[in-house]
Amino acid sequence: MAARVALIATACVLALPLSPAAHADDDCTAAAPEPTLQRDAYPSQSFRRRGSHKAFETARLGQGVVIEIEYGGCVDAVSRTVTLRIDRGNGHRSPWPVLARDILRELRADPSRRWYDPRLLAFLSTIAKESPAPEKVQRCFDGSRPGIDGCAFETGGGFGFEVHEEPTRTTLIVSQYDLI
């Protein structure tokens, strides 16, 4: 059990909405992933399933920002990771957690599938105030820091944020996972 939690916590990915209509025909207790973004809301938008409990959604948001959402999970946890690839020279600047928060808040998402927990937005606001700005942060839902095996089941799951500066772009990774 601890190894499974550690694997999920290490992956540090985001939560899926549980939809009864989306259950697969296997032993998995989590719903199969469904698209988050409204249909045809963004150019180059796509949603691809990878088996019954994994999926990958992408779109070009404009102003040099591409979003990738990876869904996963099954019995003990459900998760989602959002990667924002931001081209250099488009006017976006740090604090990166604030930009990630604002992009997530403004996503044209299907209202029934706006996946993120409101605490994720608060987490991003809180870490934006840390000085120096963190390049990688993980917190459990209760505000504690994950242990070596990740967040304990009692915490309910956790959030993550990472920044990767590259010569031509900045990549932001925001994650949430729910332990069920």
N, C-alpha and C. Protein backbone atom coordinates (compact mmCIF):
# COMPACT_ATOMS: atom_id res chain seq x y z
N MET A 1 0.82 -1.18 0.00
CA MET A 1 0.00 0.00 0.00
C MET A 1 0.87 1.25 0.00
N ALA A 2 1.91 1.29 0.85
CA ALA A 2 2.79 2.45 0.92
C ALA A 2 3.48 2.67 -0.41
N ALA A 3 3.85 1.60 -1.10
CA ALA A 3 4.51 1.74 -2.40
C ALA A 3 3.58 2.37 -3.41
N ARG A 4 2.31 1.98 -3.38
CA ARG A 4 1.33 2.56 -4.32
C ARG A 4 1.15 4.04 -4.04
N VAL A 5 1.05 4.44 -2.76
CA VAL A 5 0.90 5.83 -2.39
C VAL A 5 2.14 6.61 -2.81
N ALA A 6 3.32 6.02 -2.59
CA ALA A 6 4.57 6.69 -2.96
C ALA A 6 4.63 6.91 -4.46
N LEU A 7 4.22 5.94 -5.24
CA LEU A 7 4.22 6.08 -6.69
C LEU A 7 3.30 7.20 -7.12
N ILE A 8 2.13 7.24 -6.55
CA ILE A 8 1.17 8.29 -6.91
C ILE A 8 1.66 9.65 -6.45
N ALA A 9 2.17 9.73 -5.23
CA ALA A 9 2.65 11.00 -4.71
C ALA A 9 3.85 11.49 -5.49
N THR A 10 4.73 10.59 -5.87
CA THR A 10 5.89 10.98 -6.65
C THR A 10 5.47 11.51 -8.01
N ALA A 11 4.50 10.87 -8.61
CA ALA A 11 3.99 11.35 -9.88
C ALA A 11 3.31 12.69 -9.70
N CYS A 12 2.72 12.92 -8.53
CA CYS A 12 2.09 14.17 -8.16
C CYS A 12 1.22 14.72 -9.27
N VAL A 13 0.13 14.05 -9.53
CA VAL A 13 -0.77 14.43 -10.60
C VAL A 13 -2.14 14.79 -10.07
N LEU A 14 -3.03 15.33 -10.91
CA LEU A 14 -4.26 15.98 -10.47
C LEU A 14 -5.51 15.13 -10.49
N ALA A 15 -6.54 15.56 -9.75
CA ALA A 15 -7.75 14.76 -9.50
C ALA A 15 -8.73 14.73 -10.65
N LEU A 16 -9.45 13.63 -10.75
CA LEU A 16 -10.51 13.43 -11.74
C LEU A 16 -11.87 13.59 -11.11
N PRO A 17 -12.83 14.16 -11.84
CA PRO A 17 -14.18 14.15 -11.32
C PRO A 17 -14.75 12.75 -11.44
N LEU A 18 -15.52 12.33 -10.47
CA LEU A 18 -16.10 10.99 -10.52
C LEU A 18 -17.49 11.09 -11.12
N SER A 19 -17.65 10.51 -12.29
CA SER A 19 -18.92 10.52 -13.00
C SER A 19 -19.44 9.10 -13.12
N PRO A 20 -20.62 8.78 -12.56
CA PRO A 20 -21.12 7.41 -12.60
C PRO A 20 -21.22 6.87 -14.02
N ALA A 21 -21.51 7.72 -14.98
CA ALA A 21 -21.66 7.26 -16.36
C ALA A 21 -20.33 6.87 -16.98
N ALA A 22 -19.24 7.25 -16.36
CA ALA A 22 -17.93 7.03 -16.98
C ALA A 22 -17.19 5.82 -16.41
N HIS A 23 -17.79 5.05 -15.52
CA HIS A 23 -17.10 3.88 -14.96
C HIS A 23 -16.80 2.85 -16.04
N ALA A 24 -15.63 2.26 -15.93
CA ALA A 24 -15.25 1.21 -16.88
C ALA A 24 -15.75 -0.14 -16.36
N ASP A 25 -15.61 -1.16 -17.17
CA ASP A 25 -16.10 -2.49 -16.82
C ASP A 25 -15.08 -3.33 -16.06
N ASP A 26 -14.08 -2.73 -15.43
CA ASP A 26 -13.09 -3.49 -14.67
C ASP A 26 -13.30 -3.24 -13.17
N ASP A 27 -12.31 -3.59 -12.37
CA ASP A 27 -12.43 -3.45 -10.92
C ASP A 27 -12.12 -2.04 -10.41
N CYS A 28 -11.84 -1.13 -11.29
CA CYS A 28 -11.48 0.22 -10.90
C CYS A 28 -12.68 0.93 -10.28
N THR A 29 -12.44 1.64 -9.18
CA THR A 29 -13.51 2.36 -8.52
C THR A 29 -13.62 3.80 -8.98
N ALA A 30 -12.63 4.29 -9.72
CA ALA A 30 -12.65 5.66 -10.22
C ALA A 30 -13.31 5.73 -11.59
N ALA A 31 -13.85 6.87 -11.90
CA ALA A 31 -14.47 7.07 -13.20
C ALA A 31 -13.40 7.19 -14.28
N ALA A 32 -13.77 6.80 -15.48
CA ALA A 32 -12.88 7.02 -16.63
C ALA A 32 -12.81 8.53 -16.88
N PRO A 33 -11.67 9.04 -17.33
CA PRO A 33 -11.55 10.48 -17.55
C PRO A 33 -12.45 10.97 -18.68
N GLU A 34 -12.90 12.20 -18.53
CA GLU A 34 -13.69 12.89 -19.55
C GLU A 34 -13.01 14.21 -19.84
N PRO A 35 -13.22 14.80 -21.02
CA PRO A 35 -12.59 16.09 -21.33
C PRO A 35 -12.97 17.17 -20.33
N THR A 36 -12.02 18.02 -20.00
CA THR A 36 -12.27 19.16 -19.13
C THR A 36 -12.71 20.37 -19.95
N LEU A 37 -12.02 20.62 -21.06
CA LEU A 37 -12.28 21.82 -21.85
C LEU A 37 -13.59 21.71 -22.61
N GLN A 38 -14.27 22.85 -22.77
CA GLN A 38 -15.48 22.88 -23.58
C GLN A 38 -15.11 22.51 -25.01
N ARG A 39 -15.98 21.80 -25.66
CA ARG A 39 -15.75 21.36 -27.03
C ARG A 39 -15.51 22.57 -27.93
N ASP A 40 -14.45 22.50 -28.74
CA ASP A 40 -14.09 23.53 -29.70
C ASP A 40 -13.84 24.91 -29.08
N ALA A 41 -13.42 24.94 -27.81
CA ALA A 41 -13.16 26.21 -27.14
C ALA A 41 -11.82 26.82 -27.55
N TYR A 42 -10.87 25.97 -27.98
CA TYR A 42 -9.52 26.43 -28.29
C TYR A 42 -9.04 25.79 -29.58
N PRO A 43 -8.11 26.48 -30.29
CA PRO A 43 -7.52 25.88 -31.50
C PRO A 43 -6.69 24.64 -31.14
N SER A 44 -6.62 23.73 -32.07
CA SER A 44 -5.80 22.53 -31.93
C SER A 44 -6.16 21.72 -30.68
N GLN A 45 -7.39 21.73 -30.28
CA GLN A 45 -7.84 21.03 -29.09
C GLN A 45 -8.02 19.55 -29.38
N SER A 46 -7.56 18.70 -28.45
CA SER A 46 -7.75 17.26 -28.63
C SER A 46 -7.88 16.57 -27.28
N PHE A 47 -8.53 15.42 -27.28
CA PHE A 47 -8.68 14.58 -26.10
C PHE A 47 -8.50 13.14 -26.55
N ARG A 48 -7.51 12.45 -25.98
CA ARG A 48 -7.23 11.06 -26.36
C ARG A 48 -7.20 10.19 -25.12
N ARG A 49 -7.92 9.10 -25.18
CA ARG A 49 -7.90 8.11 -24.09
C ARG A 49 -6.69 7.20 -24.27
N ARG A 50 -6.16 6.76 -23.16
CA ARG A 50 -5.07 5.77 -23.13
C ARG A 50 -5.53 4.68 -22.18
N GLY A 51 -6.28 3.74 -22.70
CA GLY A 51 -6.88 2.72 -21.85
C GLY A 51 -8.13 3.28 -21.20
N SER A 52 -8.64 2.56 -20.21
CA SER A 52 -9.91 2.97 -19.63
C SER A 52 -9.77 4.01 -18.51
N HIS A 53 -8.55 4.26 -18.02
CA HIS A 53 -8.43 5.20 -16.90
C HIS A 53 -7.31 6.21 -17.05
N LYS A 54 -6.87 6.41 -18.27
CA LYS A 54 -5.88 7.44 -18.55
C LYS A 54 -6.31 8.19 -19.79
N ALA A 55 -5.97 9.48 -19.85
CA ALA A 55 -6.29 10.29 -21.02
C ALA A 55 -5.34 11.47 -21.06
N PHE A 56 -5.32 12.12 -22.21
CA PHE A 56 -4.43 13.24 -22.46
C PHE A 56 -5.21 14.27 -23.27
N GLU A 57 -5.29 15.51 -22.77
CA GLU A 57 -6.02 16.59 -23.43
C GLU A 57 -5.05 17.74 -23.70
N THR A 58 -5.12 18.34 -24.89
CA THR A 58 -4.24 19.45 -25.24
C THR A 58 -5.03 20.55 -25.93
N ALA A 59 -4.48 21.76 -25.88
CA ALA A 59 -5.07 22.90 -26.59
C ALA A 59 -4.06 24.04 -26.61
N ARG A 60 -4.19 24.88 -27.61
CA ARG A 60 -3.42 26.13 -27.69
C ARG A 60 -4.32 27.22 -27.13
N LEU A 61 -3.90 27.84 -26.01
CA LEU A 61 -4.73 28.82 -25.33
C LEU A 61 -4.59 30.22 -25.90
N GLY A 62 -3.56 30.47 -26.66
CA GLY A 62 -3.30 31.82 -27.17
C GLY A 62 -2.17 32.46 -26.40
N GLN A 63 -1.67 33.58 -26.90
CA GLN A 63 -0.57 34.31 -26.29
C GLN A 63 0.62 33.41 -25.98
N GLY A 64 0.89 32.46 -26.88
CA GLY A 64 2.06 31.61 -26.73
C GLY A 64 1.96 30.59 -25.61
N VAL A 65 0.74 30.18 -25.22
CA VAL A 65 0.55 29.21 -24.14
C VAL A 65 -0.15 27.97 -24.68
N VAL A 66 0.46 26.81 -24.42
CA VAL A 66 -0.15 25.52 -24.76
C VAL A 66 -0.41 24.80 -23.44
N ILE A 67 -1.60 24.19 -23.33
CA ILE A 67 -1.95 23.43 -22.14
C ILE A 67 -2.02 21.95 -22.49
N GLU A 68 -1.50 21.13 -21.58
CA GLU A 68 -1.60 19.67 -21.69
C GLU A 68 -2.14 19.18 -20.35
N ILE A 69 -3.19 18.39 -20.39
CA ILE A 69 -3.78 17.85 -19.16
C ILE A 69 -3.70 16.33 -19.24
N GLU A 70 -3.04 15.73 -18.27
CA GLU A 70 -2.93 14.27 -18.22
C GLU A 70 -3.77 13.76 -17.06
N TYR A 71 -4.63 12.80 -17.35
CA TYR A 71 -5.55 12.23 -16.38
C TYR A 71 -5.12 10.81 -16.05
N GLY A 72 -5.33 10.36 -14.82
CA GLY A 72 -5.03 8.99 -14.46
C GLY A 72 -5.60 8.62 -13.12
N GLY A 73 -5.51 7.36 -12.79
CA GLY A 73 -5.94 6.90 -11.48
C GLY A 73 -6.86 5.71 -11.59
N CYS A 74 -7.07 5.06 -10.44
CA CYS A 74 -7.95 3.90 -10.45
C CYS A 74 -8.48 3.61 -9.06
N VAL A 75 -7.85 2.69 -8.33
CA VAL A 75 -8.44 2.19 -7.10
C VAL A 75 -8.16 3.11 -5.90
N ASP A 76 -6.91 3.44 -5.63
CA ASP A 76 -6.57 4.19 -4.43
C ASP A 76 -6.45 5.70 -4.65
N ALA A 77 -6.34 6.14 -5.89
CA ALA A 77 -6.14 7.56 -6.15
C ALA A 77 -6.57 7.91 -7.56
N VAL A 78 -6.96 9.16 -7.72
CA VAL A 78 -7.22 9.72 -9.04
C VAL A 78 -6.39 10.99 -9.15
N SER A 79 -5.97 11.33 -10.35
CA SER A 79 -5.00 12.39 -10.48
C SER A 79 -5.12 13.14 -11.80
N ARG A 80 -4.53 14.34 -11.80
CA ARG A 80 -4.46 15.15 -12.99
C ARG A 80 -3.22 16.03 -12.93
N THR A 81 -2.53 16.12 -14.04
CA THR A 81 -1.37 17.00 -14.16
C THR A 81 -1.61 17.96 -15.31
N VAL A 82 -1.44 19.23 -15.05
CA VAL A 82 -1.58 20.25 -16.08
C VAL A 82 -0.19 20.81 -16.35
N THR A 83 0.22 20.75 -17.61
CA THR A 83 1.48 21.32 -18.03
C THR A 83 1.17 22.52 -18.91
N LEU A 84 1.74 23.67 -18.57
CA LEU A 84 1.59 24.89 -19.35
C LEU A 84 2.93 25.21 -19.98
N ARG A 85 2.98 25.23 -21.30
CA ARG A 85 4.21 25.56 -22.02
C ARG A 85 4.04 26.99 -22.54
N ILE A 86 4.91 27.88 -22.06
CA ILE A 86 4.77 29.31 -22.32
C ILE A 86 5.97 29.78 -23.13
N ASP A 87 5.73 30.20 -24.37
CA ASP A 87 6.81 30.70 -25.23
C ASP A 87 7.43 31.96 -24.63
N ARG A 88 8.75 32.08 -24.76
CA ARG A 88 9.44 33.30 -24.32
C ARG A 88 9.06 34.46 -25.23
N GLY A 89 9.11 35.66 -24.69
CA GLY A 89 8.88 36.85 -25.48
C GLY A 89 7.41 37.16 -25.74
N ASN A 90 6.51 36.55 -24.99
CA ASN A 90 5.09 36.82 -25.21
C ASN A 90 4.52 37.75 -24.14
N GLY A 91 5.34 38.25 -23.24
CA GLY A 91 4.89 39.18 -22.22
C GLY A 91 4.57 38.54 -20.88
N HIS A 92 4.49 37.22 -20.80
CA HIS A 92 4.21 36.56 -19.53
C HIS A 92 5.47 36.54 -18.67
N ARG A 93 5.31 36.83 -17.39
CA ARG A 93 6.43 36.83 -16.46
C ARG A 93 6.01 36.20 -15.15
N SER A 94 7.00 35.91 -14.34
CA SER A 94 6.68 35.40 -13.01
C SER A 94 6.04 36.53 -12.21
N PRO A 95 5.34 36.30 -11.13
CA PRO A 95 5.36 35.04 -10.41
C PRO A 95 4.57 33.96 -11.13
N TRP A 96 5.27 32.88 -11.43
CA TRP A 96 4.68 31.79 -12.21
C TRP A 96 3.49 31.14 -11.53
N PRO A 97 3.48 30.97 -10.21
CA PRO A 97 2.28 30.37 -9.60
C PRO A 97 1.02 31.21 -9.83
N VAL A 98 1.17 32.53 -9.86
CA VAL A 98 0.02 33.41 -10.10
C VAL A 98 -0.47 33.25 -11.53
N LEU A 99 0.45 33.18 -12.49
CA LEU A 99 0.05 32.97 -13.88
C LEU A 99 -0.67 31.63 -14.02
N ALA A 100 -0.14 30.57 -13.43
CA ALA A 100 -0.79 29.26 -13.49
C ALA A 100 -2.19 29.33 -12.88
N ARG A 101 -2.32 29.96 -11.74
CA ARG A 101 -3.62 30.11 -11.08
C ARG A 101 -4.61 30.84 -11.98
N ASP A 102 -4.16 31.94 -12.58
CA ASP A 102 -5.05 32.73 -13.42
C ASP A 102 -5.47 31.97 -14.67
N ILE A 103 -4.54 31.22 -15.27
CA ILE A 103 -4.89 30.43 -16.45
C ILE A 103 -5.91 29.36 -16.09
N LEU A 104 -5.70 28.66 -14.97
CA LEU A 104 -6.65 27.63 -14.55
C LEU A 104 -8.03 28.23 -14.27
N ARG A 105 -8.04 29.37 -13.62
CA ARG A 105 -9.32 30.01 -13.27
C ARG A 105 -10.09 30.45 -14.51
N GLU A 106 -9.36 30.84 -15.56
CA GLU A 106 -10.00 31.36 -16.76
C GLU A 106 -10.23 30.32 -17.86
N LEU A 107 -9.86 29.07 -17.62
CA LEU A 107 -10.05 28.04 -18.64
C LEU A 107 -11.52 27.94 -19.06
N ARG A 108 -11.73 27.81 -20.35
CA ARG A 108 -13.09 27.57 -20.84
C ARG A 108 -13.35 26.07 -20.69
N ALA A 109 -13.80 25.73 -19.50
CA ALA A 109 -14.02 24.33 -19.15
C ALA A 109 -15.51 24.04 -19.10
N ASP A 110 -15.84 22.79 -19.36
CA ASP A 110 -17.22 22.34 -19.19
C ASP A 110 -17.55 22.56 -17.71
N PRO A 111 -18.61 23.31 -17.39
CA PRO A 111 -18.90 23.62 -15.98
C PRO A 111 -19.04 22.37 -15.09
N SER A 112 -19.52 21.27 -15.63
CA SER A 112 -19.68 20.07 -14.81
C SER A 112 -18.36 19.33 -14.63
N ARG A 113 -17.30 19.77 -15.34
CA ARG A 113 -16.02 19.07 -15.23
C ARG A 113 -14.87 19.99 -14.86
N ARG A 114 -15.17 21.13 -14.29
CA ARG A 114 -14.08 22.00 -13.83
C ARG A 114 -13.44 21.26 -12.67
N TRP A 115 -12.37 20.55 -12.96
CA TRP A 115 -11.81 19.50 -12.13
C TRP A 115 -11.11 19.95 -10.88
N TYR A 116 -10.48 21.11 -10.87
CA TYR A 116 -9.58 21.39 -9.76
C TYR A 116 -10.33 21.79 -8.50
N ASP A 117 -9.75 21.43 -7.42
CA ASP A 117 -10.25 21.77 -6.09
C ASP A 117 -9.94 23.26 -5.87
N PRO A 118 -10.88 24.05 -5.33
CA PRO A 118 -10.58 25.47 -5.07
C PRO A 118 -9.34 25.67 -4.21
N ARG A 119 -9.01 24.68 -3.38
CA ARG A 119 -7.79 24.78 -2.56
C ARG A 119 -6.54 24.81 -3.42
N LEU A 120 -6.60 24.29 -4.65
CA LEU A 120 -5.45 24.34 -5.56
C LEU A 120 -5.13 25.80 -5.90
N LEU A 121 -6.15 26.59 -6.17
CA LEU A 121 -5.92 28.01 -6.47
C LEU A 121 -5.33 28.72 -5.26
N ALA A 122 -5.80 28.40 -4.06
CA ALA A 122 -5.25 28.99 -2.84
C ALA A 122 -3.80 28.56 -2.65
N PHE A 123 -3.50 27.29 -2.93
CA PHE A 123 -2.13 26.77 -2.85
C PHE A 123 -1.21 27.59 -3.76
N LEU A 124 -1.64 27.83 -5.01
CA LEU A 124 -0.83 28.59 -5.96
C LEU A 124 -0.63 30.03 -5.47
N SER A 125 -1.66 30.64 -4.93
CA SER A 125 -1.55 32.01 -4.38
C SER A 125 -0.58 32.06 -3.22
N THR A 126 -0.63 31.06 -2.35
CA THR A 126 0.24 31.01 -1.18
C THR A 126 1.70 30.86 -1.57
N ILE A 127 1.98 29.93 -2.48
CA ILE A 127 3.40 29.73 -2.82
C ILE A 127 3.95 30.88 -3.64
N ALA A 128 3.08 31.66 -4.30
CA ALA A 128 3.55 32.84 -5.04
C ALA A 128 4.14 33.88 -4.10
N LYS A 129 3.74 33.86 -2.83
CA LYS A 129 4.22 34.83 -1.84
C LYS A 129 5.53 34.41 -1.20
N GLU A 130 5.95 33.15 -1.44
CA GLU A 130 7.20 32.68 -0.86
C GLU A 130 8.38 33.33 -1.56
N SER A 131 9.40 33.67 -0.78
CA SER A 131 10.58 34.28 -1.36
C SER A 131 11.80 33.50 -0.90
N PRO A 132 12.67 33.11 -1.78
CA PRO A 132 12.57 33.26 -3.23
C PRO A 132 11.48 32.35 -3.80
N ALA A 133 11.05 32.68 -4.99
CA ALA A 133 10.00 31.90 -5.64
C ALA A 133 10.44 30.45 -5.78
N PRO A 134 9.60 29.52 -5.35
CA PRO A 134 9.99 28.11 -5.41
C PRO A 134 9.97 27.56 -6.83
N GLU A 135 10.90 26.64 -7.13
CA GLU A 135 10.90 25.97 -8.43
C GLU A 135 10.11 24.68 -8.38
N LYS A 136 9.97 24.10 -7.17
CA LYS A 136 9.19 22.88 -7.00
C LYS A 136 8.65 22.86 -5.58
N VAL A 137 7.32 22.68 -5.48
CA VAL A 137 6.67 22.67 -4.18
C VAL A 137 5.61 21.58 -4.18
N GLN A 138 5.51 20.86 -3.07
CA GLN A 138 4.44 19.87 -2.88
C GLN A 138 3.84 20.09 -1.50
N ARG A 139 2.52 20.03 -1.42
CA ARG A 139 1.81 20.15 -0.15
C ARG A 139 0.65 19.17 -0.14
N CYS A 140 0.35 18.65 1.03
CA CYS A 140 -0.83 17.81 1.21
C CYS A 140 -2.04 18.73 1.38
N PHE A 141 -3.22 18.17 1.20
CA PHE A 141 -4.45 18.96 1.32
C PHE A 141 -4.55 19.67 2.66
N ASP A 142 -4.00 19.07 3.71
CA ASP A 142 -4.10 19.68 5.03
C ASP A 142 -3.00 20.72 5.29
N GLY A 143 -2.20 21.02 4.26
CA GLY A 143 -1.13 22.01 4.39
C GLY A 143 0.20 21.44 4.81
N SER A 144 0.24 20.19 5.20
CA SER A 144 1.50 19.57 5.61
C SER A 144 2.36 19.24 4.39
N ARG A 145 3.62 18.98 4.65
CA ARG A 145 4.53 18.57 3.58
C ARG A 145 4.49 17.05 3.48
N PRO A 146 4.52 16.52 2.25
CA PRO A 146 4.49 15.06 2.10
C PRO A 146 5.72 14.41 2.71
N GLY A 147 5.52 13.22 3.26
CA GLY A 147 6.63 12.44 3.78
C GLY A 147 7.31 11.70 2.65
N ILE A 148 8.21 10.81 3.00
CA ILE A 148 8.96 10.05 2.00
C ILE A 148 8.04 9.21 1.11
N ASP A 149 6.90 8.77 1.66
CA ASP A 149 5.93 8.00 0.88
C ASP A 149 4.81 8.87 0.33
N GLY A 150 4.98 10.18 0.34
CA GLY A 150 3.94 11.08 -0.14
C GLY A 150 2.97 11.45 0.96
N CYS A 151 1.83 11.99 0.57
CA CYS A 151 0.81 12.39 1.54
C CYS A 151 0.10 11.16 2.09
N ALA A 152 -0.18 11.18 3.37
CA ALA A 152 -0.91 10.07 4.00
C ALA A 152 -2.36 10.10 3.55
N PHE A 153 -3.00 8.94 3.58
CA PHE A 153 -4.41 8.85 3.19
C PHE A 153 -5.27 9.81 4.01
N GLU A 154 -4.91 10.02 5.26
CA GLU A 154 -5.69 10.90 6.13
C GLU A 154 -5.72 12.34 5.61
N THR A 155 -4.73 12.74 4.84
CA THR A 155 -4.70 14.11 4.31
C THR A 155 -5.64 14.26 3.12
N GLY A 156 -5.98 13.17 2.47
CA GLY A 156 -6.87 13.22 1.31
C GLY A 156 -6.17 13.37 -0.02
N GLY A 157 -4.89 13.75 -0.01
CA GLY A 157 -4.16 13.92 -1.27
C GLY A 157 -3.26 15.14 -1.21
N GLY A 158 -2.89 15.65 -2.38
CA GLY A 158 -1.97 16.76 -2.38
C GLY A 158 -1.90 17.52 -3.69
N PHE A 159 -1.14 18.62 -3.64
CA PHE A 159 -0.92 19.51 -4.77
C PHE A 159 0.57 19.58 -5.07
N GLY A 160 0.91 19.93 -6.30
CA GLY A 160 2.29 20.14 -6.66
C GLY A 160 2.41 21.28 -7.67
N PHE A 161 3.58 21.91 -7.68
CA PHE A 161 3.87 22.98 -8.64
C PHE A 161 5.35 22.93 -8.95
N GLU A 162 5.68 23.02 -10.25
CA GLU A 162 7.07 23.04 -10.68
C GLU A 162 7.25 24.08 -11.79
N VAL A 163 8.45 24.65 -11.86
CA VAL A 163 8.83 25.58 -12.92
C VAL A 163 10.10 25.05 -13.57
N HIS A 164 10.10 25.00 -14.90
CA HIS A 164 11.29 24.62 -15.66
C HIS A 164 11.56 25.74 -16.66
N GLU A 165 12.66 26.47 -16.45
CA GLU A 165 13.06 27.54 -17.35
C GLU A 165 13.93 26.95 -18.45
N GLU A 166 13.56 27.21 -19.68
CA GLU A 166 14.30 26.72 -20.85
C GLU A 166 14.63 27.92 -21.72
N PRO A 167 15.57 27.78 -22.67
CA PRO A 167 15.96 28.93 -23.49
C PRO A 167 14.80 29.55 -24.29
N THR A 168 13.87 28.72 -24.78
CA THR A 168 12.81 29.27 -25.64
C THR A 168 11.44 29.30 -24.98
N ARG A 169 11.31 28.71 -23.78
CA ARG A 169 10.00 28.70 -23.12
C ARG A 169 10.16 28.39 -21.63
N THR A 170 9.07 28.64 -20.91
CA THR A 170 8.96 28.26 -19.51
C THR A 170 7.87 27.22 -19.42
N THR A 171 8.13 26.15 -18.68
CA THR A 171 7.14 25.10 -18.50
C THR A 171 6.71 25.09 -17.03
N LEU A 172 5.39 25.20 -16.82
CA LEU A 172 4.81 25.14 -15.48
C LEU A 172 4.03 23.84 -15.37
N ILE A 173 4.22 23.12 -14.27
CA ILE A 173 3.51 21.87 -14.04
C ILE A 173 2.73 22.01 -12.73
N VAL A 174 1.41 21.89 -12.84
CA VAL A 174 0.53 22.00 -11.69
C VAL A 174 -0.17 20.65 -11.53
N SER A 175 -0.22 20.15 -10.31
CA SER A 175 -0.80 18.83 -10.12
C SER A 175 -1.66 18.76 -8.87
N GLN A 176 -2.60 17.84 -8.94
CA GLN A 176 -3.45 17.54 -7.79
C GLN A 176 -3.77 16.06 -7.84
N TYR A 177 -3.70 15.40 -6.68
CA TYR A 177 -4.11 13.99 -6.64
C TYR A 177 -4.97 13.78 -5.40
N ASP A 178 -6.01 13.00 -5.56
CA ASP A 178 -6.92 12.67 -4.48
C ASP A 178 -6.72 11.21 -4.11
N LEU A 179 -6.52 10.95 -2.83
CA LEU A 179 -6.42 9.57 -2.35
C LEU A 179 -7.82 9.15 -1.93
N ILE A 180 -8.30 8.07 -2.57
CA ILE A 180 -9.69 7.66 -2.32
C ILE A 180 -9.77 6.31 -1.64
